[in-house]
Amino acid sequence: MKLISARTAVLVALTVLLVLGLTVFLVQYVNHAAAWAQHPSNRHFYTNARLNTSGTIYDRHGNILIQMVDGEIRFNEDATVRTAVMHATGDRGDNVETGALLVFRDRLTGWNFFNGAYRFNNKISPAHDLTLTLDANLCARAYQELNGRKGTVGIYNYKTGEILCMVSSPSFDPANPPDLQSYPESYEGVYLNRLLSATYTPGSVFKLVTTAAALDHLPYIMRKPYQCQGRTQIEGNMVTCLTAHGQVTLKEALAHSCNVTFAQIALELGADRLQEYAELAGFNSSLEIDGIKTAVGKVDLARATKAELAWAGIGQFTNTANPLNFMAFVGAIANDGIRVTPKILADKNVFSSLNDTENKKELLSKETTATLKNMMRNNTLTVYGEHNFRGLELCAKSGTAEVGAERKPHAWFTGFLARDDFPLAFVVVIEGGGAGSRAAASVAAKILPVAIGVN
């Protein structure tokens, strides 16, 4: 009897070890199978140490962005297009972490989780090409309008989530890469996709977040007049405006970006409420764009003093924002409070749904967004100038983000088109660009007509 019990114990122990071993293997397989399959020793994928990616990458109109020919990467024929989409497609050295050549390598090489290597010598192969949601010519125009300045431009359809424009500067022609080390200042951060992977002080575009919180939780906010004498002192810290705005309503304060008014509103809301709405807007979290995670913009008011809270409500203090994440928040304002997660793949393969994150999320109520839309439309009509954006039905907010006394502010301009035929949201950020209502707004004024086919 004792012998049987001992043998049973041994069998149970071996069974447990087997189950644990299989569990560990399955976990490792799920997490690392693609890397194992694409190891240089795998002759299905490598020839002479070169990865055999035979897929073709297209833009939304069928233009070839990248094509493999005889084992060599061939780029689009237009140098401006190649340069403009480099952060979306990638370079030959896989230095761009957001590039399709790297991110979607599984699809391009012919591998998936269930079938393994389903392409052998290019003879037996389901489609493994990629179509991106990007408009290559729109991206090229956006890159030209940045005119060598560091920054980013993003445009997406806030109904479908399709990213039409994703441009980051500086960039370079991946078909003819320059000697980057010889020009370190010009090419600083050249491999960084500034739309997806950068964060910036938001400045006054953050006032959209403060306004949303005020509309929901300060019942008097649309009736109360605020007084701006050009400056106000909070705990010995001076908050200033470029000019004295006099008596203003919330609508007027947003249009003229009155720091004094928004500092007071932030104090009326309190740190906890403003923190709540910052997180609703996407701060302190990342969006996942077809498997690519955005950088995390941060707002931390847990131990903020009154002066720090006031500056946070204006979009300063230690606030940082990721451009794409903030563009998605603005898209939610346009879309009756529903944020549709942006996407870069136009033709997802059947296995990609395993990694899908939540596609839609309600951020704000229809009532709140209706008021915000009206206020952002008023910004264009009374400040930015309808003549600069004729036919676009533009709703927008500019931002001039202070980043230190010795550096020029970052210029922001973000918003959307209130048109059912072109439901587009956008963001423009220019590092050291100065006033957002001039530098970034002028870029948007030239690019947005192209997005709707006017130019």
Foldseek 3Di string as FASTA:
>chain_A
DVVVVVVVVVVVVVVVVVVVVVVVVVVCCVVCVVVVLCPCVNPQQDDPSAGDQQAFEAEPVRQTAWGADPSDIDGGPDQLLQFLCCLAQHAPVNLQVNHCVNPVVCLRRQADSPPGRQQGPNPGGDHSYFYWHEDSVLSSLLVVLLVLFFWWKWKAFQVAQHTHYQGGPPTGRRVDDDPCVVPVVSCPVHSYRQQFENKAQFFQVLLLLLLLLCVVPVVCQQPDWDFFQQWDADPNDIDGDPHGPGIDGPLVCQLRLPLVVQLVSLVVSDLVSSQVSVVLLPAPHWAAALNRTGHHWHDDCPPPDSVLSSQVSRRARRTMGRNNSNLQSQSCLLVQQKRAHHYTTPDDDPPSVVVDDDGIDGRHHSVSSVVLQVSQLVSQVPPLDCVLQPPQSWRKGKGFYDDDPVAATKTKIWHFGNDPVRGMTMIIIGGSQHYNSPSVVNSCSVSVCVVVPND
